[in-house]
Protein backbone atom coordinates (compact mmCIF):
# COMPACT_ATOMS: atom_id res chain seq x y z
CA MET A 1 -38.53 85.31 18.07
CA GLU A 2 -35.89 82.66 17.40
CA SER A 3 -36.28 79.37 19.24
CA GLN A 4 -33.88 78.64 22.11
CA GLY A 5 -32.71 75.45 20.36
CA LYS A 6 -31.68 77.33 17.23
CA ARG A 7 -29.95 80.07 19.16
CA ILE A 8 -27.88 77.59 21.17
CA PHE A 9 -27.30 74.63 18.87
CA GLY A 10 -27.83 76.01 15.37
CA HIS A 11 -30.63 73.62 14.35
CA ARG A 12 -34.03 74.69 13.11
CA GLY A 13 -36.86 73.20 15.18
CA GLY A 14 -37.85 70.68 12.52
CA GLU A 15 -34.30 69.41 12.08
CA ALA A 16 -33.83 68.39 15.69
CA ARG A 17 -37.39 67.32 16.55
CA GLY A 18 -37.57 63.55 16.99
CA GLN A 19 -33.79 63.11 16.85
CA SER A 20 -31.65 61.50 19.54
CA LEU A 21 -29.89 63.77 22.00
CA ASP A 22 -26.70 62.35 20.48
CA LEU A 23 -27.19 65.22 18.02
CA ILE A 24 -25.86 67.61 20.68
CA ILE A 25 -23.93 65.33 23.08
CA PRO A 26 -20.18 65.15 22.38
CA GLU A 27 -19.24 61.64 21.24
CA GLN A 28 -16.80 61.06 24.11
CA LEU A 29 -19.59 61.79 26.66
CA ARG A 30 -22.46 59.79 25.12
CA ALA A 31 -21.89 56.50 26.95
CA ARG A 32 -21.70 58.33 30.30
CA HIS A 33 -24.82 60.37 29.48
CA TRP A 34 -26.92 57.33 28.54
CA LYS A 35 -25.69 55.32 31.53
CA GLY A 36 -26.85 58.16 33.81
CA PHE A 37 -30.14 58.48 31.91
CA ARG A 38 -30.89 54.74 32.28
CA ASN A 39 -30.03 54.92 35.99
CA ILE A 40 -32.46 57.81 36.57
CA MET A 41 -35.21 56.09 34.57
CA THR A 42 -34.71 52.88 36.58
CA THR A 43 -34.34 54.33 40.07
CA GLY A 44 -36.07 57.70 39.76
CA GLU A 45 -33.10 59.25 41.54
CA SER A 46 -30.44 61.65 40.34
CA ARG A 47 -27.22 62.71 41.96
CA TYR A 48 -28.15 66.26 41.00
CA GLY A 49 -30.67 68.26 43.00
CA ALA A 50 -34.14 68.90 41.61
CA GLY A 51 -34.12 72.11 39.63
CA ASP A 52 -30.35 72.57 39.76
CA LEU A 53 -28.84 74.14 36.66
CA LEU A 54 -25.95 72.24 35.12
CA SER A 55 -23.34 73.51 32.72
CA VAL A 56 -22.54 70.79 30.20
CA PRO A 57 -20.70 70.73 26.88
CA GLY A 58 -22.76 70.44 23.70
CA ILE A 59 -22.26 70.21 19.95
CA ARG A 60 -23.45 72.99 17.64
CA LYS A 61 -24.58 72.18 14.12
CA ASP A 62 -21.82 74.38 12.70
């Protein structure tokens, strides 16, 4: 069975493993993403509910 990462983003598992999430985050959203990430790591709190599903844009390899 094909991995979820390949089906969604077009990368084989070994290509993406160990890479920054910038691989799939659109350039214009990266600063906002990392600001939010640092905030959650610092405070332990998110403005999103635990377990909520979010729809976010991403970059495919192709």
